[in-house]
Protein backbone atom coordinates (compact mmCIF):
# COMPACT_ATOMS: atom_id res chain seq x y z
CA MET A 1 0.09 82.45 -0.10
CA ARG A 2 -0.12 79.85 -2.84
CA ILE A 3 -2.00 76.60 -2.30
CA TRP A 4 -2.02 73.60 -4.60
CA GLY A 5 -5.05 71.32 -4.82
CA LYS A 6 -4.72 67.91 -6.46
CA ILE A 7 -7.11 65.03 -7.06
CA TRP A 8 -5.56 61.55 -7.07
CA LYS A 9 -6.87 58.17 -8.18
CA ASP A 10 -4.81 54.97 -8.45
CA ASN A 11 -1.58 56.95 -7.89
CA HIS A 12 -2.32 59.25 -10.83
CA MET A 13 -3.02 62.95 -10.55
CA LEU A 14 -6.31 63.59 -12.35
CA LYS A 15 -6.66 67.32 -11.70
CA ASN A 16 -4.63 70.09 -10.14
CA MET A 17 -5.15 73.75 -9.46
CA THR A 18 -3.19 76.50 -7.73
CA VAL A 19 -4.88 79.27 -5.75
CA THR A 20 -3.09 82.49 -4.81
CA ASP A 21 -4.34 84.60 -1.92
CA ASP A 22 -2.50 87.88 -1.34
CA SER A 23 -5.04 89.25 1.13
CA ALA A 24 -4.09 90.42 4.60
CA ASP A 25 -6.34 87.77 6.12
CA THR A 26 -5.15 85.09 8.57
CA ARG A 27 -3.34 81.95 7.43
CA THR A 28 -6.30 79.80 8.47
CA HIS A 29 -8.82 81.89 6.55
CA LYS A 30 -6.63 81.79 3.44
CA ILE A 31 -6.40 78.00 3.63
CA PHE A 32 -10.15 77.55 4.12
CA ARG A 33 -10.98 80.01 1.34
CA SER A 34 -8.56 78.30 -1.05
CA LEU A 35 -10.08 74.89 -0.33
CA GLU A 36 -13.56 76.32 -0.93
CA GLU A 37 -12.43 77.85 -4.24
CA ILE A 38 -10.89 74.56 -5.40
CA CYS A 39 -13.99 72.58 -4.44
CA HIS A 40 -16.27 75.10 -6.15
CA GLU A 41 -14.20 74.91 -9.34
CA TRP A 42 -14.40 71.10 -9.35
CA ASP A 43 -18.04 70.96 -8.25
CA LEU A 44 -17.29 69.19 -4.96
CA SER A 45 -18.68 69.74 -1.51
CA VAL A 46 -16.11 71.21 0.88
CA PRO A 47 -14.58 68.35 2.90
CA VAL A 48 -14.74 68.26 6.68
CA TRP A 49 -11.47 68.83 8.53
CA LEU A 50 -10.90 65.88 10.86
CA ASP A 51 -8.36 65.98 13.70
CA ALA A 52 -5.96 63.89 11.61
CA ASN A 53 -6.13 66.44 8.77
CA ILE A 54 -5.38 69.31 11.12
CA ARG A 55 -2.38 67.52 12.64
CA GLU A 56 -1.06 66.50 9.21
CA PHE A 57 -1.46 70.03 7.84
CA LYS A 58 0.32 71.61 10.81
CA GLN A 59 3.25 69.18 10.52
CA ASN A 60 3.65 68.91 6.74
CA LYS A 61 1.82 71.91 5.24
CA LYS A 62 -0.38 69.45 3.37
CA SER A 63 -3.23 67.05 3.99
CA ARG A 64 -5.34 64.47 2.17
CA PHE A 65 -9.11 64.43 2.18
CA SER A 66 -10.62 61.01 1.41
CA GLN A 67 -14.18 59.67 1.31
CA ASP A 68 -14.49 60.03 5.11
CA ASN A 69 -14.11 63.82 4.76
CA PHE A 70 -16.86 64.21 2.15
CA VAL A 71 -20.00 63.82 4.24
CA GLY A 72 -23.03 62.85 2.20
CA GLU A 73 -21.18 62.81 -1.13
CA GLU A 74 -19.68 59.89 -3.02
CA ILE A 75 -16.36 60.76 -4.62
CA ASP A 76 -14.94 59.01 -7.70
CA PHE A 77 -11.29 59.53 -6.74
CA ASP A 78 -9.04 58.33 -3.91
CA TYR A 79 -8.31 61.66 -2.27
CA LEU A 80 -8.04 65.42 -2.62
CA GLU A 81 -4.68 66.75 -1.48
CA LEU A 82 -4.15 70.32 -0.32
CA GLN A 83 -0.59 71.64 -0.06
CA ILE A 84 0.92 75.04 0.77
CA LEU A 85 3.48 75.96 -1.89
CA GLU A 86 4.35 79.44 -0.64
CA GLU A 87 3.54 81.42 2.49
CA ASP A 88 3.60 85.18 3.00
């Protein structure tokens, strides 16, 4: 599985990173682990998955995490987007 993380501000991509997970783990675990790796690399707290994020991810294989998802942390961008590029 390959997952693409992107940080957006004012309709401009500021950062992007791709994570590959070839483990035999579940799809959900791979997604969570990839998000954790991206957030660690960019020194961010891991955002909270709200019901809207879960629905959006199931429908579109991507979701956006905005200020509401980052509990107790101010972010200096509009949103972090997580997108599945390739599944096993």
